[in-house]
ModelCIF file with pLDDT and N, C-alpha, C, O atoms, coordinates in Angstrom:
data_MODEL
#
_entry.id   MODEL 
#
_entity.id                         1 
_entity.type                       polymer 
_entity.pdbx_number_of_molecules   1 
#
_entity_poly.entity_id                      1 
_entity_poly.type                           'polypeptide(L)' 
_entity_poly.nstd_linkage                   no 
_entity_poly.nstd_monomer                   no 
_entity_poly.pdbx_seq_one_letter_code       TLFASWATRLQNIAQQHPRRVLAGVAVSLSLLG 
_entity_poly.pdbx_seq_one_letter_code_can   TLFASWATRLQNIAQQHPRRVLAGVAVSLSLLG 
_entity_poly.pdbx_strand_id                 A 
#
loop_
_entity_poly_seq.entity_id 
_entity_poly_seq.num 
_entity_poly_seq.mon_id 
_entity_poly_seq.hetero 
1 1  THR n 
1 2  LEU n 
1 3  PHE n 
1 4  ALA n 
1 5  SER n 
1 6  TRP n 
1 7  ALA n 
1 8  THR n 
1 9  ARG n 
1 10 LEU n 
1 11 GLN n 
1 12 ASN n 
1 13 ILE n 
1 14 ALA n 
1 15 GLN n 
1 16 GLN n 
1 17 HIS n 
1 18 PRO n 
1 19 ARG n 
1 20 ARG n 
1 21 VAL n 
1 22 LEU n 
1 23 ALA n 
1 24 GLY n 
1 25 VAL n 
1 26 ALA n 
1 27 VAL n 
1 28 SER n 
1 29 LEU n 
1 30 SER n 
1 31 LEU n 
1 32 LEU n 
1 33 GLY n 
#
_struct_asym.id          A 
_struct_asym.entity_id   1 
#
loop_
_ma_qa_metric.id 
_ma_qa_metric.mode 
_ma_qa_metric.name 
_ma_qa_metric.software_group_id 
_ma_qa_metric.type 
1 global pLDDT . pLDDT 
2 local  pLDDT . pLDDT 
#
_ma_qa_metric_global.metric_id      1 
_ma_qa_metric_global.metric_value   49.42 
_ma_qa_metric_global.model_id       1 
_ma_qa_metric_global.ordinal_id     1 
#
loop_
_ma_qa_metric_local.label_asym_id 
_ma_qa_metric_local.label_comp_id 
_ma_qa_metric_local.label_seq_id 
_ma_qa_metric_local.metric_id 
_ma_qa_metric_local.metric_value 
_ma_qa_metric_local.model_id 
_ma_qa_metric_local.ordinal_id 
A THR 1  2 50.00 1 1  
A LEU 2  2 45.00 1 2  
A PHE 3  2 46.00 1 3  
A ALA 4  2 49.00 1 4  
A SER 5  2 53.00 1 5  
A TRP 6  2 46.00 1 6  
A ALA 7  2 51.00 1 7  
A THR 8  2 56.00 1 8  
A ARG 9  2 56.00 1 9  
A LEU 10 2 52.00 1 10 
A GLN 11 2 55.00 1 11 
A ASN 12 2 56.00 1 12 
A ILE 13 2 51.00 1 13 
A ALA 14 2 51.00 1 14 
A GLN 15 2 54.00 1 15 
A GLN 16 2 54.00 1 16 
A HIS 17 2 52.00 1 17 
A PRO 18 2 52.00 1 18 
A ARG 19 2 52.00 1 19 
A ARG 20 2 52.00 1 20 
A VAL 21 2 48.00 1 21 
A LEU 22 2 48.00 1 22 
A ALA 23 2 47.00 1 23 
A GLY 24 2 52.00 1 24 
A VAL 25 2 47.00 1 25 
A ALA 26 2 46.00 1 26 
A VAL 27 2 43.00 1 27 
A SER 28 2 48.00 1 28 
A LEU 29 2 43.00 1 29 
A SER 30 2 45.00 1 30 
A LEU 31 2 42.00 1 31 
A LEU 32 2 44.00 1 32 
A GLY 33 2 45.00 1 33 
#
loop_
_atom_site.group_PDB 
_atom_site.id 
_atom_site.type_symbol 
_atom_site.label_atom_id 
_atom_site.label_alt_id 
_atom_site.label_comp_id 
_atom_site.label_asym_id 
_atom_site.label_entity_id 
_atom_site.label_seq_id 
_atom_site.pdbx_PDB_ins_code 
_atom_site.Cartn_x 
_atom_site.Cartn_y 
_atom_site.Cartn_z 
_atom_site.occupancy 
_atom_site.B_iso_or_equiv 
_atom_site.pdbx_formal_charge 
_atom_site.auth_seq_id 
_atom_site.auth_comp_id 
_atom_site.auth_asym_id 
_atom_site.auth_atom_id 
_atom_site.pdbx_PDB_model_num 
ATOM 1   N N  . THR A 1 1  ? -3.449  -8.851 -50.359 1.00 50.00 ? 1  THR A N  1 
ATOM 2   C CA . THR A 1 1  ? -2.297  -8.291 -49.638 1.00 50.00 ? 1  THR A CA 1 
ATOM 3   C C  . THR A 1 1  ? -2.212  -6.780 -49.844 1.00 50.00 ? 1  THR A C  1 
ATOM 4   O O  . THR A 1 1  ? -1.907  -6.029 -48.917 1.00 50.00 ? 1  THR A O  1 
ATOM 5   N N  . LEU A 1 2  ? -2.493  -6.339 -51.105 1.00 45.00 ? 2  LEU A N  1 
ATOM 6   C CA . LEU A 1 2  ? -2.454  -4.895 -51.433 1.00 45.00 ? 2  LEU A CA 1 
ATOM 7   C C  . LEU A 1 2  ? -3.518  -4.141 -50.658 1.00 45.00 ? 2  LEU A C  1 
ATOM 8   O O  . LEU A 1 2  ? -3.242  -3.083 -50.092 1.00 45.00 ? 2  LEU A O  1 
ATOM 9   N N  . PHE A 1 3  ? -4.756  -4.682 -50.625 1.00 46.00 ? 3  PHE A N  1 
ATOM 10  C CA . PHE A 1 3  ? -5.845  -4.034 -49.873 1.00 46.00 ? 3  PHE A CA 1 
ATOM 11  C C  . PHE A 1 3  ? -5.529  -3.969 -48.384 1.00 46.00 ? 3  PHE A C  1 
ATOM 12  O O  . PHE A 1 3  ? -5.825  -2.978 -47.716 1.00 46.00 ? 3  PHE A O  1 
ATOM 13  N N  . ALA A 1 4  ? -4.923  -5.038 -47.875 1.00 49.00 ? 4  ALA A N  1 
ATOM 14  C CA . ALA A 1 4  ? -4.566  -5.050 -46.464 1.00 49.00 ? 4  ALA A CA 1 
ATOM 15  C C  . ALA A 1 4  ? -3.532  -3.993 -46.141 1.00 49.00 ? 4  ALA A C  1 
ATOM 16  O O  . ALA A 1 4  ? -3.592  -3.338 -45.101 1.00 49.00 ? 4  ALA A O  1 
ATOM 17  N N  . SER A 1 5  ? -2.553  -3.834 -47.080 1.00 53.00 ? 5  SER A N  1 
ATOM 18  C CA . SER A 1 5  ? -1.520  -2.807 -46.888 1.00 53.00 ? 5  SER A CA 1 
ATOM 19  C C  . SER A 1 5  ? -2.133  -1.411 -46.856 1.00 53.00 ? 5  SER A C  1 
ATOM 20  O O  . SER A 1 5  ? -1.793  -0.591 -46.003 1.00 53.00 ? 5  SER A O  1 
ATOM 21  N N  . TRP A 1 6  ? -3.055  -1.149 -47.810 1.00 46.00 ? 6  TRP A N  1 
ATOM 22  C CA . TRP A 1 6  ? -3.733  0.181  -47.861 1.00 46.00 ? 6  TRP A CA 1 
ATOM 23  C C  . TRP A 1 6  ? -4.581  0.401  -46.624 1.00 46.00 ? 6  TRP A C  1 
ATOM 24  O O  . TRP A 1 6  ? -4.628  1.514  -46.101 1.00 46.00 ? 6  TRP A O  1 
ATOM 25  N N  . ALA A 1 7  ? -5.237  -0.614 -46.153 1.00 51.00 ? 7  ALA A N  1 
ATOM 26  C CA . ALA A 1 7  ? -6.077  -0.488 -44.954 1.00 51.00 ? 7  ALA A CA 1 
ATOM 27  C C  . ALA A 1 7  ? -5.237  -0.150 -43.732 1.00 51.00 ? 7  ALA A C  1 
ATOM 28  O O  . ALA A 1 7  ? -5.616  0.683  -42.908 1.00 51.00 ? 7  ALA A O  1 
ATOM 29  N N  . THR A 1 8  ? -4.049  -0.836 -43.627 1.00 56.00 ? 8  THR A N  1 
ATOM 30  C CA . THR A 1 8  ? -3.159  -0.556 -42.503 1.00 56.00 ? 8  THR A CA 1 
ATOM 31  C C  . THR A 1 8  ? -2.674  0.895  -42.524 1.00 56.00 ? 8  THR A C  1 
ATOM 32  O O  . THR A 1 8  ? -2.611  1.559  -41.489 1.00 56.00 ? 8  THR A O  1 
ATOM 33  N N  . ARG A 1 9  ? -2.329  1.376  -43.736 1.00 56.00 ? 9  ARG A N  1 
ATOM 34  C CA . ARG A 1 9  ? -1.838  2.770  -43.864 1.00 56.00 ? 9  ARG A CA 1 
ATOM 35  C C  . ARG A 1 9  ? -2.931  3.772  -43.511 1.00 56.00 ? 9  ARG A C  1 
ATOM 36  O O  . ARG A 1 9  ? -2.672  4.775  -42.846 1.00 56.00 ? 9  ARG A O  1 
ATOM 37  N N  . LEU A 1 10 ? -4.145  3.499  -43.957 1.00 52.00 ? 10 LEU A N  1 
ATOM 38  C CA . LEU A 1 10 ? -5.251  4.416  -43.649 1.00 52.00 ? 10 LEU A CA 1 
ATOM 39  C C  . LEU A 1 10 ? -5.532  4.457  -42.150 1.00 52.00 ? 10 LEU A C  1 
ATOM 40  O O  . LEU A 1 10 ? -5.832  5.512  -41.591 1.00 52.00 ? 10 LEU A O  1 
ATOM 41  N N  . GLN A 1 11 ? -5.430  3.284  -41.502 1.00 55.00 ? 11 GLN A N  1 
ATOM 42  C CA . GLN A 1 11 ? -5.684  3.247  -40.070 1.00 55.00 ? 11 GLN A CA 1 
ATOM 43  C C  . GLN A 1 11 ? -4.628  4.043  -39.314 1.00 55.00 ? 11 GLN A C  1 
ATOM 44  O O  . GLN A 1 11 ? -4.943  4.742  -38.350 1.00 55.00 ? 11 GLN A O  1 
ATOM 45  N N  . ASN A 1 12 ? -3.317  3.933  -39.772 1.00 56.00 ? 12 ASN A N  1 
ATOM 46  C CA . ASN A 1 12 ? -2.255  4.707  -39.131 1.00 56.00 ? 12 ASN A CA 1 
ATOM 47  C C  . ASN A 1 12 ? -2.477  6.210  -39.298 1.00 56.00 ? 12 ASN A C  1 
ATOM 48  O O  . ASN A 1 12 ? -2.284  6.983  -38.360 1.00 56.00 ? 12 ASN A O  1 
ATOM 49  N N  . ILE A 1 13 ? -2.888  6.616  -40.515 1.00 51.00 ? 13 ILE A N  1 
ATOM 50  C CA . ILE A 1 13 ? -3.146  8.044  -40.778 1.00 51.00 ? 13 ILE A CA 1 
ATOM 51  C C  . ILE A 1 13 ? -4.293  8.543  -39.920 1.00 51.00 ? 13 ILE A C  1 
ATOM 52  O O  . ILE A 1 13 ? -4.244  9.651  -39.388 1.00 51.00 ? 13 ILE A O  1 
ATOM 53  N N  . ALA A 1 14 ? -5.337  7.711  -39.787 1.00 51.00 ? 14 ALA A N  1 
ATOM 54  C CA . ALA A 1 14 ? -6.504  8.105  -38.991 1.00 51.00 ? 14 ALA A CA 1 
ATOM 55  C C  . ALA A 1 14 ? -6.139  8.283  -37.532 1.00 51.00 ? 14 ALA A C  1 
ATOM 56  O O  . ALA A 1 14 ? -6.640  9.184  -36.858 1.00 51.00 ? 14 ALA A O  1 
ATOM 57  N N  . GLN A 1 15 ? -5.238  7.394  -37.039 1.00 54.00 ? 15 GLN A N  1 
ATOM 58  C CA . GLN A 1 15 ? -4.852  7.508  -35.639 1.00 54.00 ? 15 GLN A CA 1 
ATOM 59  C C  . GLN A 1 15 ? -3.968  8.731  -35.392 1.00 54.00 ? 15 GLN A C  1 
ATOM 60  O O  . GLN A 1 15 ? -4.047  9.355  -34.334 1.00 54.00 ? 15 GLN A O  1 
ATOM 61  N N  . GLN A 1 16 ? -3.113  9.076  -36.386 1.00 54.00 ? 16 GLN A N  1 
ATOM 62  C CA . GLN A 1 16 ? -2.209  10.215 -36.229 1.00 54.00 ? 16 GLN A CA 1 
ATOM 63  C C  . GLN A 1 16 ? -2.901  11.549 -36.471 1.00 54.00 ? 16 GLN A C  1 
ATOM 64  O O  . GLN A 1 16 ? -2.582  12.536 -35.807 1.00 54.00 ? 16 GLN A O  1 
ATOM 65  N N  . HIS A 1 17 ? -3.848  11.598 -37.417 1.00 52.00 ? 17 HIS A N  1 
ATOM 66  C CA . HIS A 1 17 ? -4.508  12.858 -37.791 1.00 52.00 ? 17 HIS A CA 1 
ATOM 67  C C  . HIS A 1 17 ? -6.015  12.653 -37.814 1.00 52.00 ? 17 HIS A C  1 
ATOM 68  O O  . HIS A 1 17 ? -6.611  12.734 -38.889 1.00 52.00 ? 17 HIS A O  1 
ATOM 69  N N  . PRO A 1 18 ? -6.653  12.395 -36.697 1.00 52.00 ? 18 PRO A N  1 
ATOM 70  C CA . PRO A 1 18 ? -8.089  12.094 -36.704 1.00 52.00 ? 18 PRO A CA 1 
ATOM 71  C C  . PRO A 1 18 ? -8.949  13.258 -37.186 1.00 52.00 ? 18 PRO A C  1 
ATOM 72  O O  . PRO A 1 18 ? -9.940  13.026 -37.878 1.00 52.00 ? 18 PRO A O  1 
ATOM 73  N N  . ARG A 1 19 ? -8.597  14.534 -36.837 1.00 52.00 ? 19 ARG A N  1 
ATOM 74  C CA . ARG A 1 19 ? -9.416  15.689 -37.226 1.00 52.00 ? 19 ARG A CA 1 
ATOM 75  C C  . ARG A 1 19 ? -9.392  15.926 -38.741 1.00 52.00 ? 19 ARG A C  1 
ATOM 76  O O  . ARG A 1 19 ? -10.421 16.223 -39.348 1.00 52.00 ? 19 ARG A O  1 
ATOM 77  N N  . ARG A 1 20 ? -8.228  15.795 -39.330 1.00 52.00 ? 20 ARG A N  1 
ATOM 78  C CA . ARG A 1 20 ? -8.129  15.995 -40.785 1.00 52.00 ? 20 ARG A CA 1 
ATOM 79  C C  . ARG A 1 20 ? -8.939  14.950 -41.529 1.00 52.00 ? 20 ARG A C  1 
ATOM 80  O O  . ARG A 1 20 ? -9.604  15.255 -42.519 1.00 52.00 ? 20 ARG A O  1 
ATOM 81  N N  . VAL A 1 21 ? -8.879  13.681 -41.033 1.00 48.00 ? 21 VAL A N  1 
ATOM 82  C CA . VAL A 1 21 ? -9.624  12.603 -41.694 1.00 48.00 ? 21 VAL A CA 1 
ATOM 83  C C  . VAL A 1 21 ? -11.108 12.859 -41.583 1.00 48.00 ? 21 VAL A C  1 
ATOM 84  O O  . VAL A 1 21 ? -11.845 12.666 -42.550 1.00 48.00 ? 21 VAL A O  1 
ATOM 85  N N  . LEU A 1 22 ? -11.566 13.296 -40.402 1.00 48.00 ? 22 LEU A N  1 
ATOM 86  C CA . LEU A 1 22 ? -12.988 13.590 -40.206 1.00 48.00 ? 22 LEU A CA 1 
ATOM 87  C C  . LEU A 1 22 ? -13.452 14.690 -41.141 1.00 48.00 ? 22 LEU A C  1 
ATOM 88  O O  . LEU A 1 22 ? -14.517 14.590 -41.750 1.00 48.00 ? 22 LEU A O  1 
ATOM 89  N N  . ALA A 1 23 ? -12.641 15.754 -41.256 1.00 47.00 ? 23 ALA A N  1 
ATOM 90  C CA . ALA A 1 23 ? -13.021 16.857 -42.147 1.00 47.00 ? 23 ALA A CA 1 
ATOM 91  C C  . ALA A 1 23 ? -13.095 16.400 -43.586 1.00 47.00 ? 23 ALA A C  1 
ATOM 92  O O  . ALA A 1 23 ? -14.024 16.766 -44.306 1.00 47.00 ? 23 ALA A O  1 
ATOM 93  N N  . GLY A 1 24 ? -12.129 15.604 -44.018 1.00 52.00 ? 24 GLY A N  1 
ATOM 94  C CA . GLY A 1 24 ? -12.152 15.126 -45.389 1.00 52.00 ? 24 GLY A CA 1 
ATOM 95  C C  . GLY A 1 24 ? -13.351 14.256 -45.675 1.00 52.00 ? 24 GLY A C  1 
ATOM 96  O O  . GLY A 1 24 ? -13.970 14.369 -46.733 1.00 52.00 ? 24 GLY A O  1 
ATOM 97  N N  . VAL A 1 25 ? -13.687 13.376 -44.726 1.00 47.00 ? 25 VAL A N  1 
ATOM 98  C CA . VAL A 1 25 ? -14.851 12.511 -44.919 1.00 47.00 ? 25 VAL A CA 1 
ATOM 99  C C  . VAL A 1 25 ? -16.118 13.336 -44.964 1.00 47.00 ? 25 VAL A C  1 
ATOM 100 O O  . VAL A 1 25 ? -17.011 13.058 -45.765 1.00 47.00 ? 25 VAL A O  1 
ATOM 101 N N  . ALA A 1 26 ? -16.211 14.352 -44.111 1.00 46.00 ? 26 ALA A N  1 
ATOM 102 C CA . ALA A 1 26 ? -17.421 15.202 -44.088 1.00 46.00 ? 26 ALA A CA 1 
ATOM 103 C C  . ALA A 1 26 ? -17.608 15.906 -45.411 1.00 46.00 ? 26 ALA A C  1 
ATOM 104 O O  . ALA A 1 26 ? -18.711 15.938 -45.958 1.00 46.00 ? 26 ALA A O  1 
ATOM 105 N N  . VAL A 1 27 ? -16.512 16.480 -45.935 1.00 43.00 ? 27 VAL A N  1 
ATOM 106 C CA . VAL A 1 27 ? -16.619 17.168 -47.233 1.00 43.00 ? 27 VAL A CA 1 
ATOM 107 C C  . VAL A 1 27 ? -17.030 16.211 -48.321 1.00 43.00 ? 27 VAL A C  1 
ATOM 108 O O  . VAL A 1 27 ? -17.881 16.539 -49.147 1.00 43.00 ? 27 VAL A O  1 
ATOM 109 N N  . SER A 1 28 ? -16.432 15.019 -48.337 1.00 48.00 ? 28 SER A N  1 
ATOM 110 C CA . SER A 1 28 ? -16.758 14.035 -49.375 1.00 48.00 ? 28 SER A CA 1 
ATOM 111 C C  . SER A 1 28 ? -18.215 13.653 -49.311 1.00 48.00 ? 28 SER A C  1 
ATOM 112 O O  . SER A 1 28 ? -18.880 13.566 -50.343 1.00 48.00 ? 28 SER A O  1 
ATOM 113 N N  . LEU A 1 29 ? -18.730 13.421 -48.099 1.00 43.00 ? 29 LEU A N  1 
ATOM 114 C CA . LEU A 1 29 ? -20.132 13.045 -47.974 1.00 43.00 ? 29 LEU A CA 1 
ATOM 115 C C  . LEU A 1 29 ? -21.059 14.164 -48.398 1.00 43.00 ? 29 LEU A C  1 
ATOM 116 O O  . LEU A 1 29 ? -22.088 13.926 -49.030 1.00 43.00 ? 29 LEU A O  1 
ATOM 117 N N  . SER A 1 30 ? -20.680 15.416 -48.039 1.00 45.00 ? 30 SER A N  1 
ATOM 118 C CA . SER A 1 30 ? -21.549 16.535 -48.431 1.00 45.00 ? 30 SER A CA 1 
ATOM 119 C C  . SER A 1 30 ? -21.595 16.693 -49.931 1.00 45.00 ? 30 SER A C  1 
ATOM 120 O O  . SER A 1 30 ? -22.637 17.048 -50.481 1.00 45.00 ? 30 SER A O  1 
ATOM 121 N N  . LEU A 1 31 ? -20.472 16.436 -50.619 1.00 42.00 ? 31 LEU A N  1 
ATOM 122 C CA . LEU A 1 31 ? -20.458 16.540 -52.074 1.00 42.00 ? 31 LEU A CA 1 
ATOM 123 C C  . LEU A 1 31 ? -21.218 15.419 -52.732 1.00 42.00 ? 31 LEU A C  1 
ATOM 124 O O  . LEU A 1 31 ? -21.915 15.641 -53.723 1.00 42.00 ? 31 LEU A O  1 
ATOM 125 N N  . LEU A 1 32 ? -21.099 14.213 -52.202 1.00 44.00 ? 32 LEU A N  1 
ATOM 126 C CA . LEU A 1 32 ? -21.712 13.051 -52.851 1.00 44.00 ? 32 LEU A CA 1 
ATOM 127 C C  . LEU A 1 32 ? -23.169 12.903 -52.464 1.00 44.00 ? 32 LEU A C  1 
ATOM 128 O O  . LEU A 1 32 ? -24.004 12.585 -53.310 1.00 44.00 ? 32 LEU A O  1 
ATOM 129 N N  . GLY A 1 33 ? -23.485 13.126 -51.210 1.00 45.00 ? 33 GLY A N  1 
ATOM 130 C CA . GLY A 1 33 ? -24.860 12.892 -50.754 1.00 45.00 ? 33 GLY A CA 1 
ATOM 131 C C  . GLY A 1 33 ? -25.750 14.079 -50.952 1.00 45.00 ? 33 GLY A C  1 
ATOM 132 O O  . GLY A 1 33 ? -26.933 14.027 -50.615 1.00 45.00 ? 33 GLY A O  1 
#
């Protein structure tokens, strides 16, 4: 139930702020990969 709640919140954030999410993911991948 907790994971489902977090997934729902992340999906809402992604729909409201798609550019910010993309930038954050790009930075994370560049640092890790």
